[in-house]
C-alpha atoms as a PDB file:
ATOM      1  CA  UNK A   1      -4.045   4.718   8.316  1.00  0.00           C
ATOM      2  CA  UNK A   2      -4.737   1.313   6.917  1.00  0.00           C
ATOM      3  CA  UNK A   3      -4.286   0.233   2.963  1.00  0.00           C
ATOM      4  CA  UNK A   4      -4.355  -2.494   0.685  1.00  0.00           C
ATOM      5  CA  UNK A   5      -1.167  -4.401   0.425  1.00  0.00           C
ATOM      6  CA  UNK A   6       0.593  -5.528  -2.982  1.00  0.00           C
ATOM      7  CA  UNK A   7       0.777  -9.246  -3.400  1.00  0.00           C
ATOM      8  CA  UNK A   8       1.991 -11.266  -6.172  1.00  0.00           C
ATOM      9  CA  UNK A   9      -0.646 -13.460  -7.694  1.00  0.00           C
ATOM     10  CA  UNK A  10       1.796 -16.346  -8.002  1.00  0.00           C
ATOM     11  CA  UNK A  11       1.466 -16.477  -4.112  1.00  0.00           C
ATOM     12  CA  UNK A  12      -2.256 -15.685  -3.198  1.00  0.00           C
ATOM     13  CA  UNK A  13      -2.701 -19.041  -1.912  1.00  0.00           C
ATOM     14  CA  UNK A  14       0.944 -20.666  -1.166  1.00  0.00           C
ATOM     15  CA  UNK A  15       2.009 -18.362   1.921  1.00  0.00           C
ATOM     16  CA  UNK A  16       5.405 -18.226   0.211  1.00  0.00           C
ATOM     17  CA  UNK A  17       5.244 -14.323  -0.331  1.00  0.00           C
ATOM     18  CA  UNK A  18       7.344 -12.363   2.241  1.00  0.00           C
ATOM     19  CA  UNK A  19       4.339  -9.975   2.544  1.00  0.00           C
ATOM     20  CA  UNK A  20       1.901 -12.373   3.301  1.00  0.00           C
ATOM     21  CA  UNK A  21       3.372 -15.328   5.414  1.00  0.00           C
ATOM     22  CA  UNK A  22       2.744 -14.993   8.769  1.00  0.00           C
ATOM     23  CA  UNK A  23      -0.223 -13.595  10.944  1.00  0.00           C
ATOM     24  CA  UNK A  24      -1.153 -10.191  11.761  1.00  0.00           C
ATOM     25  CA  UNK A  25       0.348 -10.607  15.372  1.00  0.00           C
ATOM     26  CA  UNK A  26       3.844 -11.273  14.239  1.00  0.00           C
ATOM     27  CA  UNK A  27       5.011  -7.693  15.283  1.00  0.00           C
ATOM     28  CA  UNK A  28       6.612  -5.356  12.821  1.00  0.00           C
ATOM     29  CA  UNK A  29       6.845  -7.285   9.695  1.00  0.00           C
ATOM     30  CA  UNK A  30       6.099  -7.057   5.914  1.00  0.00           C
ATOM     31  CA  UNK A  31       2.876  -9.050   6.392  1.00  0.00           C
ATOM     32  CA  UNK A  32       1.372  -5.823   8.287  1.00  0.00           C
ATOM     33  CA  UNK A  33       3.715  -2.918   7.311  1.00  0.00           C
ATOM     34  CA  UNK A  34       3.992  -1.067   4.098  1.00  0.00           C
ATOM     35  CA  UNK A  35       6.075   1.960   3.140  1.00  0.00           C
ATOM     36  CA  UNK A  36       5.405   5.400   1.493  1.00  0.00           C
ATOM     37  CA  UNK A  37       8.989   6.009   0.585  1.00  0.00           C
ATOM     38  CA  UNK A  38       9.419   7.140  -3.236  1.00  0.00           C
ATOM     39  CA  UNK A  39      11.101   3.871  -4.212  1.00  0.00           C
ATOM     40  CA  UNK A  40       8.128   1.948  -3.116  1.00  0.00           C
ATOM     41  CA  UNK A  41       4.939   3.231  -5.225  1.00  0.00           C
ATOM     42  CA  UNK A  42       1.815   1.548  -5.152  1.00  0.00           C
ATOM     43  CA  UNK A  43       1.637  -1.105  -7.510  1.00  0.00           C
ATOM     44  CA  UNK A  44      -1.000  -3.353  -9.295  1.00  0.00           C
ATOM     45  CA  UNK A  45      -0.855  -7.009  -8.251  1.00  0.00           C
ATOM     46  CA  UNK A  46       1.354  -8.581 -11.060  1.00  0.00           C
ATOM     47  CA  UNK A  47       2.936 -12.159 -11.559  1.00  0.00           C
ATOM     48  CA  UNK A  48       6.708 -12.540 -11.032  1.00  0.00           C
ATOM     49  CA  UNK A  49       7.286  -9.456  -8.867  1.00  0.00           C
ATOM     50  CA  UNK A  50       7.973  -9.840  -5.268  1.00  0.00           C
ATOM     51  CA  UNK A  51       7.364  -6.253  -3.677  1.00  0.00           C
ATOM     52  CA  UNK A  52       6.598  -6.827   0.128  1.00  0.00           C
ATOM     53  CA  UNK A  53       7.017  -3.155   1.242  1.00  0.00           C
ATOM     54  CA  UNK A  54       4.369  -1.612  -1.312  1.00  0.00           C
ATOM     55  CA  UNK A  55       0.869  -0.697  -1.082  1.00  0.00           C
ATOM     56  CA  UNK A  56      -1.396  -2.043  -3.836  1.00  0.00           C
ATOM     57  CA  UNK A  57      -4.268  -4.448  -4.735  1.00  0.00           C
ATOM     58  CA  UNK A  58      -5.470  -6.412  -7.512  1.00  0.00           C
ATOM     59  CA  UNK A  59      -7.904  -3.666  -8.331  1.00  0.00           C
ATOM     60  CA  UNK A  60      -7.212  -2.259 -11.765  1.00  0.00           C
ATOM     61  CA  UNK A  61      -6.541   1.664 -11.854  1.00  0.00           C
ATOM     62  CA  UNK A  62      -6.403   1.976  -7.802  1.00  0.00           C
ATOM     63  CA  UNK A  63      -5.975   0.485  -4.404  1.00  0.00           C
ATOM     64  CA  UNK A  64      -8.394   1.381  -1.300  1.00  0.00           C
ATOM     65  CA  UNK A  65      -6.915   3.270   1.848  1.00  0.00           C
ATOM     66  CA  UNK A  66      -8.657   3.856   5.048  1.00  0.00           C
ATOM     67  CA  UNK A  67      -8.347   7.567   6.512  1.00  0.00           C
ATOM     68  CA  UNK A  68      -8.020   8.624  10.053  1.00  0.00           C
ATOM     69  CA  UNK A  69     -11.090  10.688   9.572  1.00  0.00           C
ATOM     70  CA  UNK A  70     -12.901   7.363   8.896  1.00  0.00           C
ATOM     71  CA  UNK A  71     -13.392   7.730   5.148  1.00  0.00           C
ATOM     72  CA  UNK A  72     -12.279   5.031   2.747  1.00  0.00           C
ATOM     73  CA  UNK A  73     -10.796   6.132  -0.609  1.00  0.00           C
ATOM     74  CA  UNK A  74      -9.427   4.876  -3.636  1.00  0.00           C
ATOM     75  CA  UNK A  75      -6.029   5.899  -4.408  1.00  0.00           C
ATOM     76  CA  UNK A  76      -4.673   5.995  -8.110  1.00  0.00           C
ATOM     77  CA  UNK A  77      -1.491   3.866  -8.691  1.00  0.00           C
ATOM     78  CA  UNK A  78      -0.342   6.997 -10.873  1.00  0.00           C
ATOM     79  CA  UNK A  79      -0.267   9.123  -7.557  1.00  0.00           C
ATOM     80  CA  UNK A  80       2.842  11.460  -7.278  1.00  0.00           C
ATOM     81  CA  UNK A  81       5.360   9.733  -5.065  1.00  0.00           C
ATOM     82  CA  UNK A  82       5.394  13.324  -2.911  1.00  0.00           C
ATOM     83  CA  UNK A  83       1.581  13.114  -2.495  1.00  0.00           C
ATOM     84  CA  UNK A  84       1.876   9.395  -1.443  1.00  0.00           C
ATOM     85  CA  UNK A  85       4.562  10.153   1.040  1.00  0.00           C
ATOM     86  CA  UNK A  86       2.834  13.128   2.631  1.00  0.00           C
ATOM     87  CA  UNK A  87      -0.569  10.829   3.053  1.00  0.00           C
ATOM     88  CA  UNK A  88       1.615   8.228   4.901  1.00  0.00           C
ATOM     89  CA  UNK A  89       3.448  10.744   7.132  1.00  0.00           C
ATOM     90  CA  UNK A  90       1.182  11.951   9.947  1.00  0.00           C
ATOM     91  CA  UNK A  91       3.833  14.756  11.192  1.00  0.00           C
ATOM     92  CA  UNK A  92       4.226  16.066   7.464  1.00  0.00           C
ATOM     93  CA  UNK A  93       1.999  19.032   8.125  1.00  0.00           C
ATOM     94  CA  UNK A  94       1.226  19.069   4.662  1.00  0.00           C
ATOM     95  CA  UNK A  95      -2.388  20.106   3.334  1.00  0.00           C
ATOM     96  CA  UNK A  96      -3.119  17.649   0.372  1.00  0.00           C
ATOM     97  CA  UNK A  97      -5.878  18.316  -2.214  1.00  0.00           C
ATOM     98  CA  UNK A  98      -8.077  15.265  -2.494  1.00  0.00           C
ATOM     99  CA  UNK A  99      -7.999  15.745  -6.361  1.00  0.00           C
ATOM    100  CA  UNK A 100      -4.167  14.678  -6.243  1.00  0.00           C
ATOM    101  CA  UNK A 101      -4.789  11.250  -5.340  1.00  0.00           C
END
């Protein structure tokens, strides 16, 4: 449901990152939307890489996600792309073993 977003440390405080340059009230925008498509894997924040559609964070090893059941879980950056995609598709119908993320 809600997760941490990837940001380049180069722009933590500048407002120049495409994924962090507007308010949360700007509508459908990279500031408040991320993707679970295979070509947008979750990433650890790193300098020099602009990835405004990826989930991620500055935490080494994992990023945090809030699930619809109210739980908050750490998700590994090495999560399989299909598992990551299924977690983000509410109509996938997939049963996912929590040990996979």
